[in-house]
Protein backbone atom coordinates (compact mmCIF):
# COMPACT_ATOMS: atom_id res chain seq x y z
CA MET A 1 0.06 0.20 0.01
CA THR A 2 1.34 3.34 -0.88
CA LEU A 3 -0.22 7.00 0.02
CA LEU A 4 0.92 8.79 -3.45
CA HIS A 5 1.22 13.11 -3.11
CA SER A 6 0.97 15.61 -5.39
CA ALA A 7 1.53 18.80 -4.72
CA VAL A 8 0.39 20.21 -8.03
CA CYS A 9 -2.93 18.96 -7.74
CA ASP A 10 -2.97 19.33 -3.45
CA ALA A 11 -4.33 15.93 -3.26
CA VAL A 12 -3.59 12.91 -2.50
CA TRP A 13 -4.55 9.15 -2.55
CA GLY A 14 -4.11 5.49 -2.25
CA GLU A 15 -2.70 3.04 -4.46
CA LEU A 16 -2.23 -1.28 -3.29
CA VAL A 17 -0.09 -3.45 -5.08
CA ARG A 18 -0.61 -7.13 -5.02
CA LEU A 19 3.29 -8.61 -4.91
CA ASP A 20 1.85 -12.06 -4.45
CA GLY A 21 1.39 -12.45 -8.33
CA ARG A 22 -2.32 -13.63 -7.16
CA LEU A 23 -5.26 -13.18 -9.24
CA ASP A 24 -7.27 -15.42 -7.14
CA GLY A 25 -10.57 -13.78 -6.62
CA ARG A 26 -9.89 -11.88 -4.04
CA VAL A 27 -11.77 -8.58 -3.20
CA ILE A 28 -9.55 -5.91 -2.30
CA THR A 29 -10.47 -2.34 -1.05
CA ILE A 30 -8.54 0.86 0.17
CA GLU A 31 -9.33 3.62 1.52
CA VAL A 32 -8.13 6.88 1.71
CA PHE A 33 -9.62 9.41 4.55
CA PRO A 34 -8.36 12.58 6.38
CA LEU A 35 -6.62 11.63 9.81
CA ASP A 36 -9.36 13.21 11.85
CA ASP A 37 -12.11 12.03 10.25
CA ARG A 38 -12.06 8.26 8.75
CA TYR A 39 -16.03 8.37 9.00
CA GLY A 40 -17.13 11.72 7.37
CA GLY A 41 -17.91 11.93 3.50
CA ARG A 42 -14.47 13.31 2.80
CA SER A 43 -12.67 9.38 2.52
CA SER A 44 -11.78 7.85 -1.32
CA ARG A 45 -12.21 4.67 -2.24
CA ALA A 46 -11.74 1.50 -4.61
CA THR A 47 -12.55 -1.95 -4.42
CA ALA A 48 -11.43 -4.35 -7.19
CA THR A 49 -11.66 -8.49 -7.69
CA GLY A 50 -8.93 -10.63 -8.81
CA ALA A 51 -6.74 -7.46 -9.49
CA SER A 52 -3.23 -6.98 -9.05
CA ALA A 53 -3.13 -3.24 -8.33
CA VAL A 54 -6.22 -1.31 -7.44
CA ASN A 55 -6.26 3.10 -7.00
CA THR A 56 -8.70 5.61 -5.30
CA ARG A 57 -9.80 8.70 -6.37
CA MET A 58 -7.69 11.76 -5.22
CA LEU A 59 -8.61 13.06 -2.36
CA LEU A 60 -8.55 16.67 -3.09
CA GLY A 61 -7.05 19.97 -0.35
CA SER A 62 -4.68 17.64 1.07
CA SER A 63 -2.03 20.30 2.18
CA ARG A 64 -5.40 21.95 4.50
CA LEU A 65 -5.64 18.75 6.19
CA GLU A 66 -3.78 17.82 9.68
CA GLY A 67 -3.44 14.11 7.93
CA VAL A 68 -4.08 11.24 5.93
CA CYS A 69 -4.73 7.74 6.66
CA ALA A 70 -5.08 4.42 4.17
CA VAL A 71 -6.58 1.37 5.05
CA VAL A 72 -6.29 -1.90 3.04
CA THR A 73 -9.17 -4.95 3.23
CA VAL A 74 -8.77 -8.37 1.53
CA ALA A 75 -12.38 -10.19 1.98
CA PRO A 76 -12.16 -13.90 1.90
CA THR A 77 -12.44 -16.02 -0.86
CA THR A 78 -14.93 -19.11 -0.27
CA GLY A 79 -13.99 -20.78 3.16
CA GLU A 80 -12.02 -17.75 4.65
CA THR A 81 -11.87 -14.65 6.70
CA SER A 82 -11.74 -11.42 5.60
CA THR A 83 -8.44 -9.25 7.10
CA THR A 84 -8.26 -5.66 7.47
CA GLU A 85 -4.30 -4.17 8.01
CA ALA A 86 -4.06 -1.27 10.57
CA PRO A 87 -4.24 2.69 9.20
CA LEU A 88 -1.08 4.13 7.77
CA CYS A 89 -1.13 7.31 8.82
CA VAL A 90 0.98 10.01 7.89
């Protein structure tokens, strides 16, 4: 998982690239949100099934934020449990 920043666009976005080479039907979700407002209306989320990478939309106005976080969830294939990584905040 990577948090990307553009000073020109005053924006941040998240990117998740699977390094295991498996495209096994897992549903992966990445969400980027302001440090102090995870469940508010400013988050950006992207979901993909069986993909090697997924990117969120840009979260604009990043220079006005106290910080930004990203979190990844991997939903199971049959018979497995969902895993959510701890948020990465900067």
